[in-house]
All heavy atoms as atom14 arrays in JSON, in Angstrom:
{
  "sequence": "ETRRATLASLGVYLVVSLVFLYVPALNARGLNFIHWANILTISQSTKM",
  "atom14_mask": [
    [1, 1, 1, 1, 1, 1, 1, 1, 1, 0, 0, 0, 0, 0],
    [1, 1, 1, 1, 1, 1, 1, 0, 0, 0, 0, 0, 0, 0],
    [1, 1, 1, 1, 1, 1, 1, 1, 1, 1, 1, 0, 0, 0],
    [1, 1, 1, 1, 1, 1, 1, 1, 1, 1, 1, 0, 0, 0],
    [1, 1, 1, 1, 1, 0, 0, 0, 0, 0, 0, 0, 0, 0],
    [1, 1, 1, 1, 1, 1, 1, 0, 0, 0, 0, 0, 0, 0],
    [1, 1, 1, 1, 1, 1, 1, 1, 0, 0, 0, 0, 0, 0],
    [1, 1, 1, 1, 1, 0, 0, 0, 0, 0, 0, 0, 0, 0],
    [1, 1, 1, 1, 1, 1, 0, 0, 0, 0, 0, 0, 0, 0],
    [1, 1, 1, 1, 1, 1, 1, 1, 0, 0, 0, 0, 0, 0],
    [1, 1, 1, 1, 0, 0, 0, 0, 0, 0, 0, 0, 0, 0],
    [1, 1, 1, 1, 1, 1, 1, 0, 0, 0, 0, 0, 0, 0],
    [1, 1, 1, 1, 1, 1, 1, 1, 1, 1, 1, 1, 0, 0],
    [1, 1, 1, 1, 1, 1, 1, 1, 0, 0, 0, 0, 0, 0],
    [1, 1, 1, 1, 1, 1, 1, 0, 0, 0, 0, 0, 0, 0],
    [1, 1, 1, 1, 1, 1, 1, 0, 0, 0, 0, 0, 0, 0],
    [1, 1, 1, 1, 1, 1, 0, 0, 0, 0, 0, 0, 0, 0],
    [1, 1, 1, 1, 1, 1, 1, 1, 0, 0, 0, 0, 0, 0],
    [1, 1, 1, 1, 1, 1, 1, 0, 0, 0, 0, 0, 0, 0],
    [1, 1, 1, 1, 1, 1, 1, 1, 1, 1, 1, 0, 0, 0],
    [1, 1, 1, 1, 1, 1, 1, 1, 0, 0, 0, 0, 0, 0],
    [1, 1, 1, 1, 1, 1, 1, 1, 1, 1, 1, 1, 0, 0],
    [1, 1, 1, 1, 1, 1, 1, 0, 0, 0, 0, 0, 0, 0],
    [1, 1, 1, 1, 1, 1, 1, 0, 0, 0, 0, 0, 0, 0],
    [1, 1, 1, 1, 1, 0, 0, 0, 0, 0, 0, 0, 0, 0],
    [1, 1, 1, 1, 1, 1, 1, 1, 0, 0, 0, 0, 0, 0],
    [1, 1, 1, 1, 1, 1, 1, 1, 0, 0, 0, 0, 0, 0],
    [1, 1, 1, 1, 1, 0, 0, 0, 0, 0, 0, 0, 0, 0],
    [1, 1, 1, 1, 1, 1, 1, 1, 1, 1, 1, 0, 0, 0],
    [1, 1, 1, 1, 0, 0, 0, 0, 0, 0, 0, 0, 0, 0],
    [1, 1, 1, 1, 1, 1, 1, 1, 0, 0, 0, 0, 0, 0],
    [1, 1, 1, 1, 1, 1, 1, 1, 0, 0, 0, 0, 0, 0],
    [1, 1, 1, 1, 1, 1, 1, 1, 1, 1, 1, 0, 0, 0],
    [1, 1, 1, 1, 1, 1, 1, 1, 0, 0, 0, 0, 0, 0],
    [1, 1, 1, 1, 1, 1, 1, 1, 1, 1, 0, 0, 0, 0],
    [1, 1, 1, 1, 1, 1, 1, 1, 1, 1, 1, 1, 1, 1],
    [1, 1, 1, 1, 1, 0, 0, 0, 0, 0, 0, 0, 0, 0],
    [1, 1, 1, 1, 1, 1, 1, 1, 0, 0, 0, 0, 0, 0],
    [1, 1, 1, 1, 1, 1, 1, 1, 0, 0, 0, 0, 0, 0],
    [1, 1, 1, 1, 1, 1, 1, 1, 0, 0, 0, 0, 0, 0],
    [1, 1, 1, 1, 1, 1, 1, 0, 0, 0, 0, 0, 0, 0],
    [1, 1, 1, 1, 1, 1, 1, 1, 0, 0, 0, 0, 0, 0],
    [1, 1, 1, 1, 1, 1, 0, 0, 0, 0, 0, 0, 0, 0],
    [1, 1, 1, 1, 1, 1, 1, 1, 1, 0, 0, 0, 0, 0],
    [1, 1, 1, 1, 1, 1, 0, 0, 0, 0, 0, 0, 0, 0],
    [1, 1, 1, 1, 1, 1, 1, 0, 0, 0, 0, 0, 0, 0],
    [1, 1, 1, 1, 1, 1, 1, 1, 1, 0, 0, 0, 0, 0],
    [1, 1, 1, 1, 1, 1, 1, 1, 0, 0, 0, 0, 0, 0]
  ],
  "atom14_positions": [
    [[65.18, 2.87, -21.61], [64.14, 3.03, -20.62], [63.32, 1.79, -20.51], [62.67, 1.55, -19.45], [63.27, 4.31, -20.95], [64.06, 5.56, -20.72], [64.95, 5.97, -21.9], [64.93, 5.16, -22.93], [65.56, 6.94, -21.8], [0.0, 0.0, 0.0], [0.0, 0.0, 0.0], [0.0, 0.0, 0.0], [0.0, 0.0, 0.0], [0.0, 0.0, 0.0]],
    [[63.09, 0.98, -21.64], [62.26, -0.17, -21.43], [63.04, -1.49, -21.44], [62.37, -2.51, -21.22], [61.28, -0.12, -22.69], [62.1, -0.26, -23.93], [60.47, 1.01, -22.73], [0.0, 0.0, 0.0], [0.0, 0.0, 0.0], [0.0, 0.0, 0.0], [0.0, 0.0, 0.0], [0.0, 0.0, 0.0], [0.0, 0.0, 0.0], [0.0, 0.0, 0.0]],
    [[64.34, -1.39, -21.46], [65.17, -2.68, -21.54], [64.98, -3.52, -20.33], [64.85, -4.72, -20.42], [66.61, -2.36, -21.79], [67.43, -3.59, -22.1], [68.83, -3.06, -22.45], [68.86, -2.22, -23.55], [69.68, -1.13, -23.61], [70.41, -0.76, -22.6], [69.57, -0.3, -24.65], [0.0, 0.0, 0.0], [0.0, 0.0, 0.0], [0.0, 0.0, 0.0]],
    [[65.08, -2.83, -19.09], [65.11, -3.64, -17.8], [63.75, -4.41, -17.67], [63.75, -5.52, -17.38], [65.36, -2.74, -16.66], [65.33, -3.44, -15.33], [65.9, -2.56, -14.24], [65.17, -1.28, -14.1], [65.5, -0.34, -13.13], [66.61, -0.58, -12.48], [64.8, 0.76, -13.17], [0.0, 0.0, 0.0], [0.0, 0.0, 0.0], [0.0, 0.0, 0.0]],
    [[62.65, -3.7, -17.96], [61.33, -4.31, -17.86], [61.15, -5.51, -18.87], [60.58, -6.53, -18.4], [60.16, -3.35, -17.99], [0.0, 0.0, 0.0], [0.0, 0.0, 0.0], [0.0, 0.0, 0.0], [0.0, 0.0, 0.0], [0.0, 0.0, 0.0], [0.0, 0.0, 0.0], [0.0, 0.0, 0.0], [0.0, 0.0, 0.0], [0.0, 0.0, 0.0]],
    [[61.66, -5.3, -20.08], [61.54, -6.33, -20.95], [62.42, -7.53, -20.64], [61.84, -8.69, -20.76], [62.02, -5.82, -22.37], [61.22, -4.57, -22.7], [61.85, -6.75, -23.48], [0.0, 0.0, 0.0], [0.0, 0.0, 0.0], [0.0, 0.0, 0.0], [0.0, 0.0, 0.0], [0.0, 0.0, 0.0], [0.0, 0.0, 0.0], [0.0, 0.0, 0.0]],
    [[63.63, -7.35, -20.22], [64.45, -8.44, -19.8], [63.89, -9.21, -18.63], [63.86, -10.38, -18.53], [65.86, -7.96, -19.47], [66.68, -7.51, -20.65], [68.01, -6.9, -20.16], [67.03, -8.73, -21.59], [0.0, 0.0, 0.0], [0.0, 0.0, 0.0], [0.0, 0.0, 0.0], [0.0, 0.0, 0.0], [0.0, 0.0, 0.0], [0.0, 0.0, 0.0]],
    [[63.3, -8.42, -17.65], [62.65, -9.14, -16.37], [61.49, -9.93, -16.83], [61.36, -11.08, -16.46], [62.18, -8.01, -15.52], [0.0, 0.0, 0.0], [0.0, 0.0, 0.0], [0.0, 0.0, 0.0], [0.0, 0.0, 0.0], [0.0, 0.0, 0.0], [0.0, 0.0, 0.0], [0.0, 0.0, 0.0], [0.0, 0.0, 0.0], [0.0, 0.0, 0.0]],
    [[60.72, -9.44, -17.76], [59.52, -10.25, -18.22], [59.95, -11.49, -19.01], [59.43, -12.6, -18.86], [58.51, -9.41, -19.08], [59.12, -8.92, -20.27], [0.0, 0.0, 0.0], [0.0, 0.0, 0.0], [0.0, 0.0, 0.0], [0.0, 0.0, 0.0], [0.0, 0.0, 0.0], [0.0, 0.0, 0.0], [0.0, 0.0, 0.0], [0.0, 0.0, 0.0]],
    [[61.01, -11.36, -19.81], [61.53, -12.53, -20.54], [62.02, -13.54, -19.55], [61.93, -14.81, -19.76], [62.59, -12.0, -21.51], [62.15, -11.34, -22.82], [63.3, -10.75, -23.58], [61.33, -12.29, -23.69], [0.0, 0.0, 0.0], [0.0, 0.0, 0.0], [0.0, 0.0, 0.0], [0.0, 0.0, 0.0], [0.0, 0.0, 0.0], [0.0, 0.0, 0.0]],
    [[62.77, -13.07, -18.45], [63.23, -14.02, -17.51], [62.15, -14.79, -16.81], [62.27, -16.0, -16.64], [0.0, 0.0, 0.0], [0.0, 0.0, 0.0], [0.0, 0.0, 0.0], [0.0, 0.0, 0.0], [0.0, 0.0, 0.0], [0.0, 0.0, 0.0], [0.0, 0.0, 0.0], [0.0, 0.0, 0.0], [0.0, 0.0, 0.0], [0.0, 0.0, 0.0]],
    [[61.07, -14.1, -16.37], [59.95, -14.79, -15.74], [59.28, -15.77, -16.77], [58.97, -16.92, -16.37], [58.89, -13.83, -15.31], [57.63, -14.54, -14.84], [59.44, -12.78, -14.16], [0.0, 0.0, 0.0], [0.0, 0.0, 0.0], [0.0, 0.0, 0.0], [0.0, 0.0, 0.0], [0.0, 0.0, 0.0], [0.0, 0.0, 0.0], [0.0, 0.0, 0.0]],
    [[59.07, -15.33, -18.05], [58.55, -16.19, -19.06], [59.41, -17.45, -19.23], [58.88, -18.56, -19.35], [58.46, -15.4, -20.28], [57.95, -16.3, -21.53], [56.67, -16.7, -21.63], [58.87, -16.62, -22.5], [56.21, -17.46, -22.75], [58.47, -17.37, -23.58], [57.15, -17.75, -23.67], [56.79, -18.52, -24.74], [0.0, 0.0, 0.0], [0.0, 0.0, 0.0]],
    [[60.63, -17.3, -19.24], [61.55, -18.47, -19.46], [61.44, -19.44, -18.24], [61.31, -20.68, -18.46], [63.05, -17.95, -19.6], [64.04, -19.12, -19.73], [63.77, -19.92, -20.95], [65.46, -18.48, -19.69], [0.0, 0.0, 0.0], [0.0, 0.0, 0.0], [0.0, 0.0, 0.0], [0.0, 0.0, 0.0], [0.0, 0.0, 0.0], [0.0, 0.0, 0.0]],
    [[61.45, -18.99, -16.98], [61.4, -19.79, -15.88], [60.12, -20.61, -15.85], [60.07, -21.81, -15.64], [61.6, -19.02, -14.58], [61.26, -19.92, -13.31], [63.02, -18.42, -14.49], [0.0, 0.0, 0.0], [0.0, 0.0, 0.0], [0.0, 0.0, 0.0], [0.0, 0.0, 0.0], [0.0, 0.0, 0.0], [0.0, 0.0, 0.0], [0.0, 0.0, 0.0]],
    [[58.97, -19.85, -16.0], [57.62, -20.49, -16.0], [57.57, -21.5, -17.11], [56.96, -22.57, -16.94], [56.48, -19.46, -16.03], [55.2, -20.11, -16.22], [56.52, -18.48, -14.9], [0.0, 0.0, 0.0], [0.0, 0.0, 0.0], [0.0, 0.0, 0.0], [0.0, 0.0, 0.0], [0.0, 0.0, 0.0], [0.0, 0.0, 0.0], [0.0, 0.0, 0.0]],
    [[58.0, -21.15, -18.28], [58.0, -22.12, -19.41], [58.74, -23.42, -19.09], [58.3, -24.47, -19.42], [58.46, -21.4, -20.66], [57.68, -20.3, -20.97], [0.0, 0.0, 0.0], [0.0, 0.0, 0.0], [0.0, 0.0, 0.0], [0.0, 0.0, 0.0], [0.0, 0.0, 0.0], [0.0, 0.0, 0.0], [0.0, 0.0, 0.0], [0.0, 0.0, 0.0]],
    [[59.91, -23.23, -18.58], [60.7, -24.4, -18.21], [59.99, -25.3, -17.2], [60.12, -26.56, -17.22], [62.14, -24.03, -17.72], [63.04, -23.34, -18.8], [64.33, -22.82, -18.09], [63.39, -24.38, -19.89], [0.0, 0.0, 0.0], [0.0, 0.0, 0.0], [0.0, 0.0, 0.0], [0.0, 0.0, 0.0], [0.0, 0.0, 0.0], [0.0, 0.0, 0.0]],
    [[59.36, -24.67, -16.22], [58.56, -25.48, -15.25], [57.54, -26.28, -15.95], [57.34, -27.48, -15.57], [57.89, -24.46, -14.21], [56.91, -25.22, -13.33], [59.0, -23.85, -13.3], [0.0, 0.0, 0.0], [0.0, 0.0, 0.0], [0.0, 0.0, 0.0], [0.0, 0.0, 0.0], [0.0, 0.0, 0.0], [0.0, 0.0, 0.0], [0.0, 0.0, 0.0]],
    [[56.83, -25.64, -16.89], [55.78, -26.45, -17.6], [56.32, -27.38, -18.57], [55.57, -28.21, -19.08], [54.79, -25.5, -18.22], [53.75, -24.91, -17.3], [53.91, -23.87, -16.51], [52.51, -25.63, -17.22], [52.92, -23.5, -15.63], [51.5, -25.17, -16.39], [51.75, -24.12, -15.53], [0.0, 0.0, 0.0], [0.0, 0.0, 0.0], [0.0, 0.0, 0.0]],
    [[57.58, -27.3, -18.89], [58.18, -28.43, -19.72], [58.79, -29.53, -18.98], [58.78, -30.66, -19.44], [59.22, -27.71, -20.62], [58.74, -26.92, -21.8], [59.84, -26.17, -22.49], [57.99, -27.76, -22.89], [0.0, 0.0, 0.0], [0.0, 0.0, 0.0], [0.0, 0.0, 0.0], [0.0, 0.0, 0.0], [0.0, 0.0, 0.0], [0.0, 0.0, 0.0]],
    [[59.31, -29.23, -17.76], [60.21, -30.27, -17.08], [59.54, -30.79, -15.8], [60.1, -31.69, -15.16], [61.53, -29.75, -16.84], [62.41, -29.47, -18.17], [62.5, -28.25, -18.65], [62.83, -30.66, -18.75], [63.16, -28.12, -19.9], [63.56, -30.49, -20.0], [63.75, -29.18, -20.57], [64.41, -29.06, -21.7], [0.0, 0.0, 0.0], [0.0, 0.0, 0.0]],
    [[58.47, -30.23, -15.2], [57.8, -30.73, -14.1], [56.66, -31.69, -14.6], [55.65, -31.32, -15.28], [57.16, -29.65, -13.35], [56.36, -30.28, -12.1], [58.29, -28.73, -12.75], [0.0, 0.0, 0.0], [0.0, 0.0, 0.0], [0.0, 0.0, 0.0], [0.0, 0.0, 0.0], [0.0, 0.0, 0.0], [0.0, 0.0, 0.0], [0.0, 0.0, 0.0]],
    [[56.85, -33.0, -14.43], [55.9, -34.06, -15.02], [54.5, -33.81, -14.75], [53.56, -33.99, -15.61], [56.42, -35.31, -14.45], [57.83, -35.08, -14.09], [57.93, -33.57, -13.69], [0.0, 0.0, 0.0], [0.0, 0.0, 0.0], [0.0, 0.0, 0.0], [0.0, 0.0, 0.0], [0.0, 0.0, 0.0], [0.0, 0.0, 0.0], [0.0, 0.0, 0.0]],
    [[54.15, -33.31, -13.46], [52.73, -33.13, -13.02], [52.1, -32.04, -13.86], [50.92, -31.98, -14.08], [52.59, -32.69, -11.54], [0.0, 0.0, 0.0], [0.0, 0.0, 0.0], [0.0, 0.0, 0.0], [0.0, 0.0, 0.0], [0.0, 0.0, 0.0], [0.0, 0.0, 0.0], [0.0, 0.0, 0.0], [0.0, 0.0, 0.0], [0.0, 0.0, 0.0]],
    [[52.82, -31.11, -14.43], [52.29, -29.94, -15.2], [52.48, -30.19, -16.67], [52.06, -29.41, -17.61], [53.06, -28.68, -14.84], [52.88, -28.29, -13.41], [53.71, -26.99, -13.2], [51.35, -27.88, -13.21], [0.0, 0.0, 0.0], [0.0, 0.0, 0.0], [0.0, 0.0, 0.0], [0.0, 0.0, 0.0], [0.0, 0.0, 0.0], [0.0, 0.0, 0.0]],
    [[53.06, -31.34, -17.11], [53.3, -31.7, -18.55], [52.88, -33.05, -18.78], [53.66, -33.92, -19.17], [54.83, -31.47, -18.81], [55.03, -31.46, -20.42], [54.05, -31.62, -21.15], [56.3, -31.47, -20.79], [0.0, 0.0, 0.0], [0.0, 0.0, 0.0], [0.0, 0.0, 0.0], [0.0, 0.0, 0.0], [0.0, 0.0, 0.0], [0.0, 0.0, 0.0]],
    [[51.56, -33.32, -18.7], [51.0, -34.56, -18.89], [51.3, -35.08, -20.28], [51.18, -34.38, -21.25], [49.45, -34.56, -18.62], [0.0, 0.0, 0.0], [0.0, 0.0, 0.0], [0.0, 0.0, 0.0], [0.0, 0.0, 0.0], [0.0, 0.0, 0.0], [0.0, 0.0, 0.0], [0.0, 0.0, 0.0], [0.0, 0.0, 0.0], [0.0, 0.0, 0.0]],
    [[51.73, -36.4, -20.37], [52.21, -36.96, -21.58], [53.3, -36.22, -22.32], [53.63, -36.58, -23.51], [50.95, -37.23, -22.47], [49.9, -38.02, -21.93], [48.79, -38.33, -22.89], [47.74, -39.16, -22.25], [47.81, -40.46, -22.17], [48.98, -41.11, -22.54], [46.76, -41.23, -21.54], [0.0, 0.0, 0.0], [0.0, 0.0, 0.0], [0.0, 0.0, 0.0]],
    [[53.95, -35.22, -21.68], [54.98, -34.53, -22.21], [54.75, -33.84, -23.57], [55.81, -33.66, -24.32], [0.0, 0.0, 0.0], [0.0, 0.0, 0.0], [0.0, 0.0, 0.0], [0.0, 0.0, 0.0], [0.0, 0.0, 0.0], [0.0, 0.0, 0.0], [0.0, 0.0, 0.0], [0.0, 0.0, 0.0], [0.0, 0.0, 0.0], [0.0, 0.0, 0.0]],
    [[53.6, -33.29, -23.66], [53.17, -32.69, -24.97], [53.09, -31.15, -24.9], [52.67, -30.55, -25.81], [51.93, -33.3, -25.4], [51.93, -34.72, -25.82], [50.53, -35.22, -26.25], [53.04, -35.02, -26.95], [0.0, 0.0, 0.0], [0.0, 0.0, 0.0], [0.0, 0.0, 0.0], [0.0, 0.0, 0.0], [0.0, 0.0, 0.0], [0.0, 0.0, 0.0]],
    [[53.55, -30.54, -23.79], [53.4, -29.08, -23.7], [54.23, -28.32, -24.75], [54.04, -27.2, -25.04], [53.86, -28.55, -22.33], [52.73, -28.76, -21.24], [51.5, -29.3, -21.62], [52.94, -28.56, -20.0], [0.0, 0.0, 0.0], [0.0, 0.0, 0.0], [0.0, 0.0, 0.0], [0.0, 0.0, 0.0], [0.0, 0.0, 0.0], [0.0, 0.0, 0.0]],
    [[55.3, -29.05, -25.24], [56.07, -28.38, -26.34], [55.25, -27.97, -27.55], [55.68, -27.11, -28.39], [57.18, -29.31, -26.76], [56.71, -30.43, -27.62], [56.64, -30.26, -29.04], [56.28, -31.65, -27.04], [56.24, -31.36, -29.8], [55.87, -32.68, -27.81], [55.76, -32.57, -29.24], [0.0, 0.0, 0.0], [0.0, 0.0, 0.0], [0.0, 0.0, 0.0]],
    [[54.02, -28.52, -27.65], [53.15, -28.21, -28.73], [52.91, -26.82, -28.85], [52.78, -26.22, -30.0], [51.84, -29.08, -28.59], [52.05, -30.55, -28.88], [50.77, -28.44, -29.57], [50.87, -31.35, -28.73], [0.0, 0.0, 0.0], [0.0, 0.0, 0.0], [0.0, 0.0, 0.0], [0.0, 0.0, 0.0], [0.0, 0.0, 0.0], [0.0, 0.0, 0.0]],
    [[52.81, -26.1, -27.72], [52.53, -24.64, -27.75], [53.69, -23.9, -28.61], [53.26, -23.06, -29.48], [52.57, -24.12, -26.33], [52.56, -22.55, -26.28], [51.49, -21.82, -26.79], [53.5, -21.69, -25.85], [51.77, -20.56, -26.52], [52.98, -20.36, -26.01], [0.0, 0.0, 0.0], [0.0, 0.0, 0.0], [0.0, 0.0, 0.0], [0.0, 0.0, 0.0]],
    [[54.86, -24.18, -28.37], [55.97, -23.48, -29.14], [56.06, -24.01, -30.56], [56.37, -23.28, -31.48], [57.29, -23.62, -28.4], [57.27, -22.9, -27.06], [57.62, -21.57, -26.88], [56.86, -23.39, -25.79], [57.32, -21.23, -25.51], [56.92, -22.43, -24.94], [56.36, -24.6, -25.39], [56.56, -22.55, -23.54], [56.02, -24.85, -24.03], [56.13, -23.78, -23.15]],
    [[55.77, -25.26, -30.67], [55.74, -25.84, -32.04], [54.67, -25.22, -32.97], [54.78, -24.85, -34.11], [55.53, -27.3, -32.04], [0.0, 0.0, 0.0], [0.0, 0.0, 0.0], [0.0, 0.0, 0.0], [0.0, 0.0, 0.0], [0.0, 0.0, 0.0], [0.0, 0.0, 0.0], [0.0, 0.0, 0.0], [0.0, 0.0, 0.0], [0.0, 0.0, 0.0]],
    [[53.39, -24.9, -32.21], [52.39, -24.21, -33.01], [52.8, -22.85, -33.43], [52.52, -22.37, -34.58], [51.13, -24.11, -32.12], [50.37, -25.47, -31.89], [50.5, -26.32, -32.64], [49.7, -25.57, -30.83], [0.0, 0.0, 0.0], [0.0, 0.0, 0.0], [0.0, 0.0, 0.0], [0.0, 0.0, 0.0], [0.0, 0.0, 0.0], [0.0, 0.0, 0.0]],
    [[53.45, -22.15, -32.6], [53.94, -20.73, -32.89], [54.89, -20.77, -34.07], [54.76, -20.06, -35.03], [54.56, -20.11, -31.61], [53.61, -19.88, -30.51], [55.19, -18.69, -32.07], [54.18, -19.37, -29.31], [0.0, 0.0, 0.0], [0.0, 0.0, 0.0], [0.0, 0.0, 0.0], [0.0, 0.0, 0.0], [0.0, 0.0, 0.0], [0.0, 0.0, 0.0]],
    [[55.77, -21.69, -34.01], [56.72, -21.82, -35.07], [56.1, -22.23, -36.43], [56.34, -21.72, -37.51], [57.92, -22.82, -34.78], [58.94, -23.07, -35.76], [59.7, -21.79, -36.0], [59.9, -24.19, -35.33], [0.0, 0.0, 0.0], [0.0, 0.0, 0.0], [0.0, 0.0, 0.0], [0.0, 0.0, 0.0], [0.0, 0.0, 0.0], [0.0, 0.0, 0.0]],
    [[55.2, -23.17, -36.26], [54.57, -23.72, -37.54], [53.65, -22.6, -38.16], [53.77, -22.34, -39.37], [53.75, -24.93, -37.25], [54.57, -25.99, -36.66], [53.01, -25.57, -38.51], [0.0, 0.0, 0.0], [0.0, 0.0, 0.0], [0.0, 0.0, 0.0], [0.0, 0.0, 0.0], [0.0, 0.0, 0.0], [0.0, 0.0, 0.0], [0.0, 0.0, 0.0]],
    [[52.86, -22.04, -37.41], [51.94, -20.97, -37.99], [52.67, -19.76, -38.46], [52.27, -19.2, -39.46], [50.9, -20.66, -36.85], [49.94, -21.87, -36.55], [50.09, -19.43, -37.31], [49.01, -21.53, -35.5], [0.0, 0.0, 0.0], [0.0, 0.0, 0.0], [0.0, 0.0, 0.0], [0.0, 0.0, 0.0], [0.0, 0.0, 0.0], [0.0, 0.0, 0.0]],
    [[53.82, -19.39, -37.84], [54.56, -18.31, -38.28], [55.14, -18.58, -39.67], [55.5, -17.7, -40.41], [55.61, -17.9, -37.38], [56.62, -18.94, -37.26], [0.0, 0.0, 0.0], [0.0, 0.0, 0.0], [0.0, 0.0, 0.0], [0.0, 0.0, 0.0], [0.0, 0.0, 0.0], [0.0, 0.0, 0.0], [0.0, 0.0, 0.0], [0.0, 0.0, 0.0]],
    [[55.33, -19.85, -39.96], [55.83, -20.18, -41.26], [54.84, -20.4, -42.41], [55.19, -20.59, -43.6], [56.65, -21.56, -41.24], [57.87, -21.47, -40.12], [58.87, -20.52, -40.65], [59.26, -20.45, -41.72], [59.35, -19.6, -39.76], [0.0, 0.0, 0.0], [0.0, 0.0, 0.0], [0.0, 0.0, 0.0], [0.0, 0.0, 0.0], [0.0, 0.0, 0.0]],
    [[53.58, -20.38, -42.02], [52.47, -20.59, -43.04], [51.27, -19.75, -42.71], [50.59, -19.94, -41.72], [52.09, -22.1, -43.04], [51.01, -22.26, -43.86], [0.0, 0.0, 0.0], [0.0, 0.0, 0.0], [0.0, 0.0, 0.0], [0.0, 0.0, 0.0], [0.0, 0.0, 0.0], [0.0, 0.0, 0.0], [0.0, 0.0, 0.0], [0.0, 0.0, 0.0]],
    [[51.06, -18.78, -43.55], [49.95, -17.88, -43.34], [48.58, -18.56, -43.62], [47.49, -18.03, -43.41], [50.08, -16.69, -44.27], [50.23, -17.03, -45.58], [51.21, -15.76, -43.79], [0.0, 0.0, 0.0], [0.0, 0.0, 0.0], [0.0, 0.0, 0.0], [0.0, 0.0, 0.0], [0.0, 0.0, 0.0], [0.0, 0.0, 0.0], [0.0, 0.0, 0.0]],
    [[48.7, -19.74, -44.21], [47.41, -20.51, -44.55], [47.09, -21.6, -43.45], [46.21, -22.25, -43.6], [47.52, -21.21, -45.86], [47.53, -20.26, -47.03], [46.29, -19.59, -47.18], [46.32, -18.69, -48.37], [45.03, -17.93, -48.54], [0.0, 0.0, 0.0], [0.0, 0.0, 0.0], [0.0, 0.0, 0.0], [0.0, 0.0, 0.0], [0.0, 0.0, 0.0]],
    [[47.92, -21.65, -42.43], [47.83, -22.74, -41.43], [46.45, -22.78, -40.83], [45.83, -23.88, -40.64], [48.94, -22.68, -40.45], [48.92, -23.84, -39.42], [48.99, -25.47, -40.16], [50.6, -25.35, -40.94], [0.0, 0.0, 0.0], [0.0, 0.0, 0.0], [0.0, 0.0, 0.0], [0.0, 0.0, 0.0], [0.0, 0.0, 0.0], [0.0, 0.0, 0.0]]
  ]
}
């Protein structure tokens, strides 16, 4: 019952995220990947 809504939201999230990664005007200095790097780093260290 919740699968379709979840997949739709993941699809929108993926498209918007790719736009902010690959459109230069929205990714000044190409550093927007920091957001996902932060998530990965903090998830690996509870003391971060």
